C-alpha atoms as a PDB file:
ATOM      1  CA  MET A   1      -0.058  -0.138  -0.197  1.00  0.00           C
ATOM      2  CA  ALA A   2       2.891   2.498   0.897  1.00  0.00           C
ATOM      3  CA  ASP A   3       4.522   1.626  -2.344  1.00  0.00           C
ATOM      4  CA  ALA A   4       1.368   2.544  -4.307  1.00  0.00           C
ATOM      5  CA  VAL A   5       1.072   5.747  -2.516  1.00  0.00           C
ATOM      6  CA  LEU A   6       4.526   6.570  -3.351  1.00  0.00           C
ATOM      7  CA  ASP A   7       4.324   5.576  -6.950  1.00  0.00           C
ATOM      8  CA  HIS A   8       1.218   7.833  -7.140  1.00  0.00           C
ATOM      9  CA  ALA A   9       3.183  10.655  -5.584  1.00  0.00           C
ATOM     10  CA  ALA A  10       5.898   9.971  -8.067  1.00  0.00           C
ATOM     11  CA  ALA A  11       3.609  10.179 -11.066  1.00  0.00           C
ATOM     12  CA  ARG A  12       2.216  13.453 -10.142  1.00  0.00           C
ATOM     13  CA  PRO A  13       3.889  16.574 -11.869  1.00  0.00           C
ATOM     14  CA  PRO A  14       5.615  18.886  -9.737  1.00  0.00           C
ATOM     15  CA  ALA A  15       3.901  21.973  -8.526  1.00  0.00           C
ATOM     16  CA  ALA A  16       5.810  24.263 -10.876  1.00  0.00           C
ATOM     17  CA  ALA A  17       4.817  22.261 -13.985  1.00  0.00           C
ATOM     18  CA  ARG A  18       1.155  22.423 -12.924  1.00  0.00           C
ATOM     19  CA  ALA A  19       1.516  26.151 -12.446  1.00  0.00           C
ATOM     20  CA  GLU A  20       2.911  26.532 -15.914  1.00  0.00           C
ATOM     21  CA  ARG A  21       0.075  24.413 -17.397  1.00  0.00           C
ATOM     22  CA  ARG A  22      -2.605  26.531 -15.651  1.00  0.00           C
ATOM     23  CA  ARG A  23      -0.709  29.641 -16.927  1.00  0.00           C
ATOM     24  CA  ARG A  24      -0.800  28.381 -20.656  1.00  0.00           C
ATOM     25  CA  TYR A  25      -4.464  27.443 -20.379  1.00  0.00           C
ATOM     26  CA  ALA A  26      -5.445  30.990 -18.986  1.00  0.00           C
ATOM     27  CA  ALA A  27      -3.122  32.534 -21.902  1.00  0.00           C
ATOM     28  CA  THR A  28      -5.083  30.266 -24.366  1.00  0.00           C
ATOM     29  CA  LEU A  29      -8.298  31.401 -22.971  1.00  0.00           C
ATOM     30  CA  ALA A  30      -7.406  35.020 -22.904  1.00  0.00           C
ATOM     31  CA  ALA A  31      -6.086  34.796 -26.563  1.00  0.00           C
ATOM     32  CA  ASP A  32      -9.266  33.159 -27.755  1.00  0.00           C
ATOM     33  CA  GLN A  33     -11.436  35.759 -25.934  1.00  0.00           C
ATOM     34  CA  GLY A  34      -9.247  38.559 -27.504  1.00  0.00           C
ATOM     35  CA  ALA A  35      -9.758  37.004 -30.854  1.00  0.00           C
ATOM     36  CA  ARG A  36     -13.635  36.841 -30.422  1.00  0.00           C
ATOM     37  CA  ASP A  37     -13.504  40.547 -29.331  1.00  0.00           C
ATOM     38  CA  ARG A  38     -11.453  41.576 -32.370  1.00  0.00           C
ATOM     39  CA  ARG A  39     -13.891  39.629 -34.813  1.00  0.00           C
ATOM     40  CA  TRP A  40     -16.910  41.776 -33.900  1.00  0.00           C
ATOM     41  CA  PRO A  41     -15.384  45.055 -35.369  1.00  0.00           C
ATOM     42  CA  LEU A  42     -14.123  42.965 -38.512  1.00  0.00           C
ATOM     43  CA  LEU A  43     -17.724  41.697 -38.958  1.00  0.00           C
ATOM     44  CA  VAL A  44     -18.989  45.280 -38.791  1.00  0.00           C
ATOM     45  CA  ALA A  45     -16.506  46.331 -41.214  1.00  0.00           C
ATOM     46  CA  TYR A  46     -17.405  43.716 -43.576  1.00  0.00           C
ATOM     47  CA  ALA A  47     -21.430  44.344 -43.154  1.00  0.00           C
ATOM     48  CA  LEU A  48     -20.618  48.126 -43.904  1.00  0.00           C
ATOM     49  CA  VAL A  49     -18.637  47.300 -47.061  1.00  0.00           C
ATOM     50  CA  ILE A  50     -21.485  44.910 -48.218  1.00  0.00           C
ATOM     51  CA  ALA A  51     -23.959  47.486 -47.683  1.00  0.00           C
ATOM     52  CA  PHE A  52     -22.093  50.205 -49.332  1.00  0.00           C
ATOM     53  CA  PHE A  53     -20.989  48.639 -52.491  1.00  0.00           C
ATOM     54  CA  VAL A  54     -23.018  45.169 -52.882  1.00  0.00           C
ATOM     55  CA  ILE A  55     -26.361  46.303 -52.198  1.00  0.00           C
ATOM     56  CA  PRO A  56     -26.576  49.212 -54.822  1.00  0.00           C
ATOM     57  CA  LEU A  57     -25.079  46.877 -57.265  1.00  0.00           C
ATOM     58  CA  ALA A  58     -27.724  44.257 -56.550  1.00  0.00           C
ATOM     59  CA  TYR A  59     -30.509  46.851 -56.743  1.00  0.00           C
ATOM     60  CA  LEU A  60     -29.260  48.093 -60.015  1.00  0.00           C
ATOM     61  CA  VAL A  61     -29.472  44.374 -61.432  1.00  0.00           C
ATOM     62  CA  SER A  62     -32.886  44.213 -59.739  1.00  0.00           C
ATOM     63  CA  VAL A  63     -34.202  47.288 -61.638  1.00  0.00           C
ATOM     64  CA  SER A  64     -32.936  45.772 -64.829  1.00  0.00           C
ATOM     65  CA  PHE A  65     -35.521  43.132 -64.510  1.00  0.00           C
ATOM     66  CA  LYS A  66     -38.284  45.448 -63.570  1.00  0.00           C
ATOM     67  CA  THR A  67     -41.362  47.004 -65.697  1.00  0.00           C
ATOM     68  CA  PRO A  68     -41.833  50.783 -65.527  1.00  0.00           C
ATOM     69  CA  ASP A  69     -44.524  50.466 -62.858  1.00  0.00           C
ATOM     70  CA  ASP A  70     -42.509  48.158 -60.844  1.00  0.00           C
ATOM     71  CA  VAL A  71     -39.751  50.536 -60.987  1.00  0.00           C
ATOM     72  CA  LEU A  72     -41.939  53.287 -59.545  1.00  0.00           C
ATOM     73  CA  SER A  73     -43.239  51.078 -56.644  1.00  0.00           C
ATOM     74  CA  GLY A  74     -39.637  51.493 -54.966  1.00  0.00           C
ATOM     75  CA  ARG A  75     -39.508  47.546 -54.013  1.00  0.00           C
ATOM     76  CA  PHE A  76     -36.252  46.257 -53.836  1.00  0.00           C
ATOM     77  CA  LEU A  77     -37.042  42.907 -55.796  1.00  0.00           C
ATOM     78  CA  PRO A  78     -39.164  42.759 -58.835  1.00  0.00           C
ATOM     79  CA  THR A  79     -42.693  41.744 -58.412  1.00  0.00           C
ATOM     80  CA  ASP A  80     -43.245  40.845 -62.062  1.00  0.00           C
ATOM     81  CA  PRO A  81     -39.801  39.945 -63.363  1.00  0.00           C
ATOM     82  CA  THR A  82     -39.003  40.592 -67.101  1.00  0.00           C
ATOM     83  CA  LEU A  83     -36.367  40.150 -69.692  1.00  0.00           C
ATOM     84  CA  ALA A  84     -37.580  42.900 -71.860  1.00  0.00           C
ATOM     85  CA  ASN A  85     -35.390  45.653 -70.732  1.00  0.00           C
ATOM     86  CA  TRP A  86     -32.098  43.711 -71.776  1.00  0.00           C
ATOM     87  CA  PRO A  87     -32.924  43.337 -75.897  1.00  0.00           C
ATOM     88  CA  ALA A  88     -34.708  46.805 -75.524  1.00  0.00           C
ATOM     89  CA  ALA A  89     -31.459  48.481 -74.278  1.00  0.00           C
ATOM     90  CA  PHE A  90     -29.388  47.053 -77.149  1.00  0.00           C
ATOM     91  CA  GLY A  91     -32.021  47.816 -79.508  1.00  0.00           C
ATOM     92  CA  ALA A  92     -32.723  51.326 -78.252  1.00  0.00           C
ATOM     93  CA  THR A  93     -29.119  52.421 -78.876  1.00  0.00           C
ATOM     94  CA  ASP A  94     -25.642  51.143 -80.276  1.00  0.00           C
ATOM     95  CA  LEU A  95     -24.787  49.781 -76.869  1.00  0.00           C
ATOM     96  CA  GLY A  96     -21.890  47.409 -78.025  1.00  0.00           C
ATOM     97  CA  ARG A  97     -20.248  50.282 -79.942  1.00  0.00           C
ATOM     98  CA  PHE A  98     -20.541  52.650 -77.013  1.00  0.00           C
ATOM     99  CA  ILE A  99     -18.774  50.042 -74.875  1.00  0.00           C
ATOM    100  CA  PHE A 100     -16.138  49.330 -77.456  1.00  0.00           C
ATOM    101  CA  ASN A 101     -15.406  53.109 -77.863  1.00  0.00           C
ATOM    102  CA  SER A 102     -15.152  53.479 -73.902  1.00  0.00           C
ATOM    103  CA  VAL A 103     -12.695  50.306 -73.859  1.00  0.00           C
ATOM    104  CA  VAL A 104     -10.494  51.523 -76.574  1.00  0.00           C
ATOM    105  CA  ALA A 105     -10.456  55.256 -75.200  1.00  0.00           C
ATOM    106  CA  SER A 106      -9.624  54.067 -71.750  1.00  0.00           C
ATOM    107  CA  LEU A 107      -6.818  51.514 -72.709  1.00  0.00           C
ATOM    108  CA  ALA A 108      -5.163  53.909 -75.398  1.00  0.00           C
ATOM    109  CA  SER A 109      -5.320  56.983 -73.067  1.00  0.00           C
ATOM    110  CA  ALA A 110      -3.871  54.862 -70.153  1.00  0.00           C
ATOM    111  CA  PHE A 111      -0.890  54.205 -72.620  1.00  0.00           C
ATOM    112  CA  VAL A 112      -0.669  57.962 -73.446  1.00  0.00           C
ATOM    113  CA  THR A 113      -0.756  58.884 -69.659  1.00  0.00           C
ATOM    114  CA  MET A 114       2.066  56.348 -68.894  1.00  0.00           C
ATOM    115  CA  ALA A 115       4.183  57.388 -71.752  1.00  0.00           C
ATOM    116  CA  ILE A 116       4.145  60.951 -70.379  1.00  0.00           C
ATOM    117  CA  ALA A 117       4.176  60.565 -66.689  1.00  0.00           C
ATOM    118  CA  VAL A 118       6.810  57.748 -66.427  1.00  0.00           C
ATOM    119  CA  PRO A 119       9.619  59.977 -67.548  1.00  0.00           C
ATOM    120  CA  ALA A 120       8.173  63.070 -66.195  1.00  0.00           C
ATOM    121  CA  THR A 121       7.878  61.777 -62.749  1.00  0.00           C
ATOM    122  CA  TYR A 122      11.545  60.363 -63.033  1.00  0.00           C
ATOM    123  CA  ALA A 123      12.808  63.725 -64.138  1.00  0.00           C
ATOM    124  CA  MET A 124      11.047  65.565 -61.259  1.00  0.00           C
ATOM    125  CA  VAL A 125      12.000  62.857 -58.596  1.00  0.00           C
ATOM    126  CA  ARG A 126      15.317  61.696 -59.469  1.00  0.00           C
ATOM    127  CA  LEU A 127      16.922  64.545 -61.511  1.00  0.00           C
ATOM    128  CA  ASP A 128      15.166  67.276 -59.545  1.00  0.00           C
ATOM    129  CA  VAL A 129      13.713  68.977 -62.885  1.00  0.00           C
ATOM    130  CA  GLY A 130      11.383  71.791 -61.933  1.00  0.00           C
ATOM    131  CA  GLY A 131      12.497  72.070 -58.460  1.00  0.00           C
ATOM    132  CA  ARG A 132       9.377  72.079 -56.060  1.00  0.00           C
ATOM    133  CA  VAL A 133       7.556  74.309 -58.439  1.00  0.00           C
ATOM    134  CA  LEU A 134       6.641  71.809 -61.172  1.00  0.00           C
ATOM    135  CA  PRO A 135       5.622  68.862 -58.864  1.00  0.00           C
ATOM    136  CA  THR A 136       3.295  71.198 -57.066  1.00  0.00           C
ATOM    137  CA  PHE A 137       1.814  72.835 -60.316  1.00  0.00           C
ATOM    138  CA  THR A 138       1.313  69.258 -61.901  1.00  0.00           C
ATOM    139  CA  LEU A 139      -0.697  68.242 -58.752  1.00  0.00           C
ATOM    140  CA  ALA A 140      -2.452  71.453 -58.610  1.00  0.00           C
ATOM    141  CA  THR A 141      -3.881  71.187 -62.211  1.00  0.00           C
ATOM    142  CA  TYR A 142      -5.897  68.177 -61.199  1.00  0.00           C
ATOM    143  CA  MET A 143      -7.570  70.243 -58.219  1.00  0.00           C
ATOM    144  CA  ALA A 144      -9.186  72.577 -60.678  1.00  0.00           C
ATOM    145  CA  PRO A 145     -12.731  71.712 -61.856  1.00  0.00           C
ATOM    146  CA  PRO A 146     -12.656  69.957 -65.275  1.00  0.00           C
ATOM    147  CA  VAL A 147     -15.272  72.262 -66.524  1.00  0.00           C
ATOM    148  CA  VAL A 148     -12.897  75.306 -66.790  1.00  0.00           C
ATOM    149  CA  ALA A 149     -10.822  73.326 -69.487  1.00  0.00           C
ATOM    150  CA  LEU A 150     -13.905  72.825 -71.625  1.00  0.00           C
ATOM    151  CA  ILE A 151     -13.432  75.976 -73.876  1.00  0.00           C
ATOM    152  CA  PRO A 152      -9.731  75.837 -74.353  1.00  0.00           C
ATOM    153  CA  LEU A 153      -9.864  71.950 -75.125  1.00  0.00           C
ATOM    154  CA  PHE A 154     -12.779  72.573 -77.461  1.00  0.00           C
ATOM    155  CA  PHE A 155     -10.752  75.164 -79.715  1.00  0.00           C
ATOM    156  CA  LEU A 156      -7.513  73.227 -79.495  1.00  0.00           C
ATOM    157  CA  LEU A 157      -9.172  70.075 -80.599  1.00  0.00           C
ATOM    158  CA  ARG A 158     -10.994  71.929 -83.381  1.00  0.00           C
ATOM    159  CA  GLN A 159      -7.765  73.495 -84.504  1.00  0.00           C
ATOM    160  CA  ILE A 160      -5.963  70.252 -84.894  1.00  0.00           C
ATOM    161  CA  GLY A 161      -8.843  68.468 -86.500  1.00  0.00           C
ATOM    162  CA  LEU A 162      -9.621  66.043 -83.540  1.00  0.00           C
ATOM    163  CA  LEU A 163     -12.750  67.585 -82.346  1.00  0.00           C
ATOM    164  CA  HIS A 164     -15.721  65.069 -81.983  1.00  0.00           C
ATOM    165  CA  THR A 165     -13.426  62.044 -82.743  1.00  0.00           C
ATOM    166  CA  LEU A 166     -12.190  58.931 -80.757  1.00  0.00           C
ATOM    167  CA  PRO A 167      -8.540  60.184 -81.091  1.00  0.00           C
ATOM    168  CA  GLY A 168      -9.232  63.528 -79.739  1.00  0.00           C
ATOM    169  CA  LEU A 169     -11.074  62.188 -76.711  1.00  0.00           C
ATOM    170  CA  ILE A 170      -7.988  59.627 -76.144  1.00  0.00           C
ATOM    171  CA  LEU A 171      -5.633  62.819 -76.270  1.00  0.00           C
ATOM    172  CA  VAL A 172      -7.594  64.719 -73.689  1.00  0.00           C
ATOM    173  CA  TYR A 173      -7.990  61.922 -71.451  1.00  0.00           C
ATOM    174  CA  GLY A 174      -4.257  60.995 -71.853  1.00  0.00           C
ATOM    175  CA  LEU A 175      -3.370  64.509 -70.744  1.00  0.00           C
ATOM    176  CA  MET A 176      -6.036  64.753 -67.955  1.00  0.00           C
ATOM    177  CA  ASN A 177      -4.845  61.712 -65.992  1.00  0.00           C
ATOM    178  CA  VAL A 178      -0.943  62.838 -65.983  1.00  0.00           C
ATOM    179  CA  PRO A 179      -1.198  64.311 -62.498  1.00  0.00           C
ATOM    180  CA  VAL A 180      -2.852  60.918 -61.082  1.00  0.00           C
ATOM    181  CA  ALA A 181      -0.303  59.023 -62.622  1.00  0.00           C
ATOM    182  CA  PHE A 182       2.570  61.480 -61.276  1.00  0.00           C
ATOM    183  CA  TRP A 183       0.881  61.178 -57.773  1.00  0.00           C
ATOM    184  CA  LEU A 184       1.020  57.345 -57.918  1.00  0.00           C
ATOM    185  CA  LEU A 185       4.246  56.806 -59.478  1.00  0.00           C
ATOM    186  CA  THR A 186       6.219  59.253 -57.094  1.00  0.00           C
ATOM    187  CA  GLY A 187       6.139  56.818 -54.218  1.00  0.00           C
ATOM    188  CA  PHE A 188       7.225  53.814 -56.320  1.00  0.00           C
ATOM    189  CA  ILE A 189      10.208  55.646 -57.876  1.00  0.00           C
ATOM    190  CA  ARG A 190      11.418  57.055 -54.368  1.00  0.00           C
ATOM    191  CA  GLN A 191      11.421  53.620 -53.094  1.00  0.00           C
ATOM    192  CA  VAL A 192      14.107  52.372 -55.570  1.00  0.00           C
ATOM    193  CA  PRO A 193      17.499  53.369 -53.844  1.00  0.00           C
ATOM    194  CA  ARG A 194      19.247  56.200 -55.371  1.00  0.00           C
ATOM    195  CA  GLU A 195      22.456  54.234 -55.362  1.00  0.00           C
ATOM    196  CA  ILE A 196      21.245  52.209 -58.250  1.00  0.00           C
ATOM    197  CA  ASP A 197      20.700  54.855 -60.445  1.00  0.00           C
ATOM    198  CA  GLU A 198      24.129  56.262 -59.446  1.00  0.00           C
ATOM    199  CA  ALA A 199      25.819  52.866 -59.990  1.00  0.00           C
ATOM    200  CA  ALA A 200      24.349  53.064 -63.516  1.00  0.00           C
ATOM    201  CA  TRP A 201      25.346  56.532 -64.369  1.00  0.00           C
ATOM    202  CA  ILE A 202      28.910  55.786 -63.278  1.00  0.00           C
ATOM    203  CA  ASP A 203      28.960  52.727 -65.751  1.00  0.00           C
ATOM    204  CA  GLY A 204      28.006  55.213 -68.490  1.00  0.00           C
ATOM    205  CA  SER A 205      24.152  54.540 -68.657  1.00  0.00           C
ATOM    206  CA  GLY A 206      22.344  57.569 -69.331  1.00  0.00           C
ATOM    207  CA  SER A 207      19.268  58.866 -67.567  1.00  0.00           C
ATOM    208  CA  TRP A 208      17.064  57.584 -70.285  1.00  0.00           C
ATOM    209  CA  ARG A 209      18.708  54.154 -70.441  1.00  0.00           C
ATOM    210  CA  THR A 210      18.821  53.946 -66.636  1.00  0.00           C
ATOM    211  CA  LEU A 211      14.981  54.547 -66.579  1.00  0.00           C
ATOM    212  CA  VAL A 212      14.039  52.091 -69.080  1.00  0.00           C
ATOM    213  CA  HIS A 213      16.204  49.118 -68.354  1.00  0.00           C
ATOM    214  CA  ILE A 214      16.693  49.610 -64.613  1.00  0.00           C
ATOM    215  CA  VAL A 215      13.980  51.927 -62.812  1.00  0.00           C
ATOM    216  CA  VAL A 216      10.990  50.569 -64.876  1.00  0.00           C
ATOM    217  CA  PRO A 217      11.348  46.906 -64.311  1.00  0.00           C
ATOM    218  CA  LEU A 218      11.654  47.477 -60.386  1.00  0.00           C
ATOM    219  CA  ILE A 219       8.437  49.541 -60.409  1.00  0.00           C
ATOM    220  CA  ALA A 220       6.553  47.218 -62.496  1.00  0.00           C
ATOM    221  CA  PRO A 221       3.781  46.594 -60.070  1.00  0.00           C
ATOM    222  CA  GLY A 222       3.395  50.201 -59.660  1.00  0.00           C
ATOM    223  CA  LEU A 223       3.033  50.796 -63.189  1.00  0.00           C
ATOM    224  CA  ALA A 224       0.436  48.042 -63.747  1.00  0.00           C
ATOM    225  CA  ALA A 225      -1.710  49.736 -60.690  1.00  0.00           C
ATOM    226  CA  SER A 226      -1.191  53.049 -62.224  1.00  0.00           C
ATOM    227  CA  PHE A 227      -2.146  52.112 -65.659  1.00  0.00           C
ATOM    228  CA  ILE A 228      -5.289  50.350 -64.457  1.00  0.00           C
ATOM    229  CA  ILE A 229      -6.550  53.337 -62.060  1.00  0.00           C
ATOM    230  CA  CYS A 230      -6.042  55.800 -64.997  1.00  0.00           C
ATOM    231  CA  ALA A 231      -7.939  53.248 -67.450  1.00  0.00           C
ATOM    232  CA  VAL A 232     -10.722  53.025 -65.189  1.00  0.00           C
ATOM    233  CA  LEU A 233     -10.933  56.788 -64.499  1.00  0.00           C
ATOM    234  CA  SER A 234     -11.038  57.424 -68.274  1.00  0.00           C
ATOM    235  CA  TYR A 235     -13.735  54.626 -68.682  1.00  0.00           C
ATOM    236  CA  ASN A 236     -16.057  56.335 -66.094  1.00  0.00           C
ATOM    237  CA  GLU A 237     -15.528  59.989 -67.474  1.00  0.00           C
ATOM    238  CA  PHE A 238     -18.851  61.762 -68.835  1.00  0.00           C
ATOM    239  CA  LEU A 239     -18.014  65.519 -69.122  1.00  0.00           C
ATOM    240  CA  PHE A 240     -15.273  65.604 -72.007  1.00  0.00           C
ATOM    241  CA  ALA A 241     -16.877  62.743 -73.768  1.00  0.00           C
ATOM    242  CA  PHE A 242     -20.240  64.614 -73.712  1.00  0.00           C
ATOM    243  CA  PHE A 243     -18.933  67.910 -75.324  1.00  0.00           C
ATOM    244  CA  PHE A 244     -15.857  66.391 -77.463  1.00  0.00           C
ATOM    245  CA  THR A 245     -17.673  63.357 -79.063  1.00  0.00           C
ATOM    246  CA  THR A 246     -20.598  62.737 -81.256  1.00  0.00           C
ATOM    247  CA  ASP A 247     -21.826  59.636 -83.281  1.00  0.00           C
ATOM    248  CA  PRO A 248     -20.036  57.246 -83.917  1.00  0.00           C
ATOM    249  CA  SER A 249     -17.456  58.059 -81.251  1.00  0.00           C
ATOM    250  CA  ARG A 250     -19.649  58.211 -78.301  1.00  0.00           C
ATOM    251  CA  THR A 251     -18.659  56.442 -75.073  1.00  0.00           C
ATOM    252  CA  LEU A 252     -20.766  54.201 -72.642  1.00  0.00           C
ATOM    253  CA  THR A 253     -21.563  56.864 -70.219  1.00  0.00           C
ATOM    254  CA  ILE A 254     -23.000  58.980 -72.940  1.00  0.00           C
ATOM    255  CA  GLY A 255     -25.004  55.976 -74.357  1.00  0.00           C
ATOM    256  CA  ILE A 256     -26.442  55.562 -70.919  1.00  0.00           C
ATOM    257  CA  ALA A 257     -27.661  59.076 -70.614  1.00  0.00           C
ATOM    258  CA  LEU A 258     -29.485  58.718 -73.891  1.00  0.00           C
ATOM    259  CA  PHE A 259     -32.001  56.492 -72.146  1.00  0.00           C
ATOM    260  CA  GLN A 260     -33.430  59.780 -70.458  1.00  0.00           C
ATOM    261  CA  GLY A 261     -36.088  61.363 -72.718  1.00  0.00           C
ATOM    262  CA  GLU A 262     -37.519  64.738 -72.223  1.00  0.00           C
ATOM    263  CA  ARG A 263     -40.634  63.075 -70.152  1.00  0.00           C
ATOM    264  CA  LEU A 264     -39.585  59.712 -69.418  1.00  0.00           C
ATOM    265  CA  VAL A 265     -36.570  57.995 -67.984  1.00  0.00           C
ATOM    266  CA  ASN A 266     -36.201  54.181 -69.293  1.00  0.00           C
ATOM    267  CA  PHE A 267     -34.965  53.128 -65.783  1.00  0.00           C
ATOM    268  CA  GLY A 268     -35.148  49.392 -66.532  1.00  0.00           C
ATOM    269  CA  GLN A 269     -33.181  49.785 -69.966  1.00  0.00           C
ATOM    270  CA  MET A 270     -30.775  52.371 -68.232  1.00  0.00           C
ATOM    271  CA  ALA A 271     -30.163  49.642 -65.569  1.00  0.00           C
ATOM    272  CA  ALA A 272     -29.469  46.965 -68.023  1.00  0.00           C
ATOM    273  CA  ALA A 273     -27.128  49.098 -69.933  1.00  0.00           C
ATOM    274  CA  SER A 274     -25.306  49.951 -66.894  1.00  0.00           C
ATOM    275  CA  VAL A 275     -24.892  46.471 -65.556  1.00  0.00           C
ATOM    276  CA  THR A 276     -23.479  45.576 -69.007  1.00  0.00           C
ATOM    277  CA  GLY A 277     -21.146  48.431 -68.964  1.00  0.00           C
ATOM    278  CA  LEU A 278     -19.600  47.244 -65.502  1.00  0.00           C
ATOM    279  CA  VAL A 279     -18.960  43.968 -66.858  1.00  0.00           C
ATOM    280  CA  PRO A 280     -15.458  45.198 -68.603  1.00  0.00           C
ATOM    281  CA  VAL A 281     -14.520  46.979 -65.231  1.00  0.00           C
ATOM    282  CA  TYR A 282     -15.213  43.948 -63.196  1.00  0.00           C
ATOM    283  CA  ILE A 283     -13.415  41.614 -65.527  1.00  0.00           C
ATOM    284  CA  VAL A 284     -10.245  43.869 -65.112  1.00  0.00           C
ATOM    285  CA  ALA A 285     -10.588  44.108 -61.493  1.00  0.00           C
ATOM    286  CA  VAL A 286     -10.774  40.156 -61.188  1.00  0.00           C
ATOM    287  CA  VAL A 287      -7.981  39.529 -63.672  1.00  0.00           C
ATOM    288  CA  CYS A 288      -5.646  42.222 -62.562  1.00  0.00           C
ATOM    289  CA  GLN A 289      -6.273  42.255 -58.832  1.00  0.00           C
ATOM    290  CA  ARG A 290      -3.078  40.550 -57.906  1.00  0.00           C
ATOM    291  CA  TRP A 291      -1.151  43.323 -59.785  1.00  0.00           C
ATOM    292  CA  LEU A 292      -3.476  46.253 -58.722  1.00  0.00           C
ATOM    293  CA  VAL A 293      -3.148  45.178 -55.040  1.00  0.00           C
ATOM    294  CA  SER A 294       0.472  44.373 -54.801  1.00  0.00           C
ATOM    295  CA  GLY A 295       1.321  47.698 -56.884  1.00  0.00           C
ATOM    296  CA  LEU A 296      -0.797  49.862 -54.323  1.00  0.00           C
ATOM    297  CA  VAL A 297       0.561  47.985 -51.366  1.00  0.00           C
ATOM    298  CA  SER A 298       4.313  48.278 -52.376  1.00  0.00           C
ATOM    299  CA  GLY A 299       3.708  51.900 -53.331  1.00  0.00           C
ATOM    300  CA  GLY A 300       2.347  52.444 -49.750  1.00  0.00           C
ATOM    301  CA  VAL A 301       5.293  50.988 -47.720  1.00  0.00           C
ATOM    302  CA  LYS A 302       8.018  53.364 -46.931  1.00  0.00           C
END
C-alpha cells in the first residue's frame, strides 16, 4: 500500500509544472477571448462594405428586370420580373459600340498617360527637374474643376482637327490623368534606392537608359496599378465625352444618358445598360487584382 502511494506521488507532476500548465491554459483562454473581441469590429466592417458596395449593385441588377410600373413602386425585388429591358437596351441604342469606344479610349489614353508620366515623374523625382514648383503645379492642375478646361480644349481640338473624334478624346484623357499617374508613381520611384541610379550612371548609362532598363522593371507593379487606375478613370468619365464626341465616337457614359428622354426615363433599360457596362470593369478588377493590390501596397510601404 505504501509503495502504491509513493508511486502515485511520483507520477504526479511537480507544482511548478502544474502552475505552468495553468498559466498556458489561462493565456489560451485570454487569446481566444481577444480574438473573439477583435472579430466583431471585423464583422461590422464587412457588413458596412457589403451595404455600401454590394447592395447598390444588387439593386441595379434588380431594376434591370423590372417593368416601368414596378420601378416606380420602389420595391427592392421585382414583383413581375421581365427580360424585356435587356434586348430593348441594345435595340434602343448602339450599346455595343459605346462599350467598345469606352474600352478603346480608356486603354489607349492610359498608354498615353504612362508614356508621359513615367519619364516626367522620374525627371522630377530623381533629376530634380522643376525643383518644387513643377511637381506642385502638376498636382495642382488636377484640383481645378474639369469644366474650366472645356472651352480651351474645344478650340484646341478643333484647331488640330480632332474634335468629335475618338483620337481627340483619347488625347484629352491621356493628358487629363497625367497628374494622377504622377501622384501614384512618385512613391514607387522614391522606393528605388538612389544608389542604383548612381551606379548605372557611373557605368556610363544615361538617364533615359537607366529609366527604361533599370527603374521601370523595378516599379513594374506600380506601373500596372497606375495604368489600371487611369484606365478606369477614363472609362467612367462623362463631361469631356459629352462635349468632345458625337456619333459614332460616343462612349458608354453618354450612351447610358441617352435613355433619359424629355418626359420619360427608361430606368429598366438604363439599368440593363449600366450592368452591361460594368462587366469590363469587373473583368479587369478580377483578372488584374493581384497586380493592382501588390502595386498599391508596395507603393504605400516606406
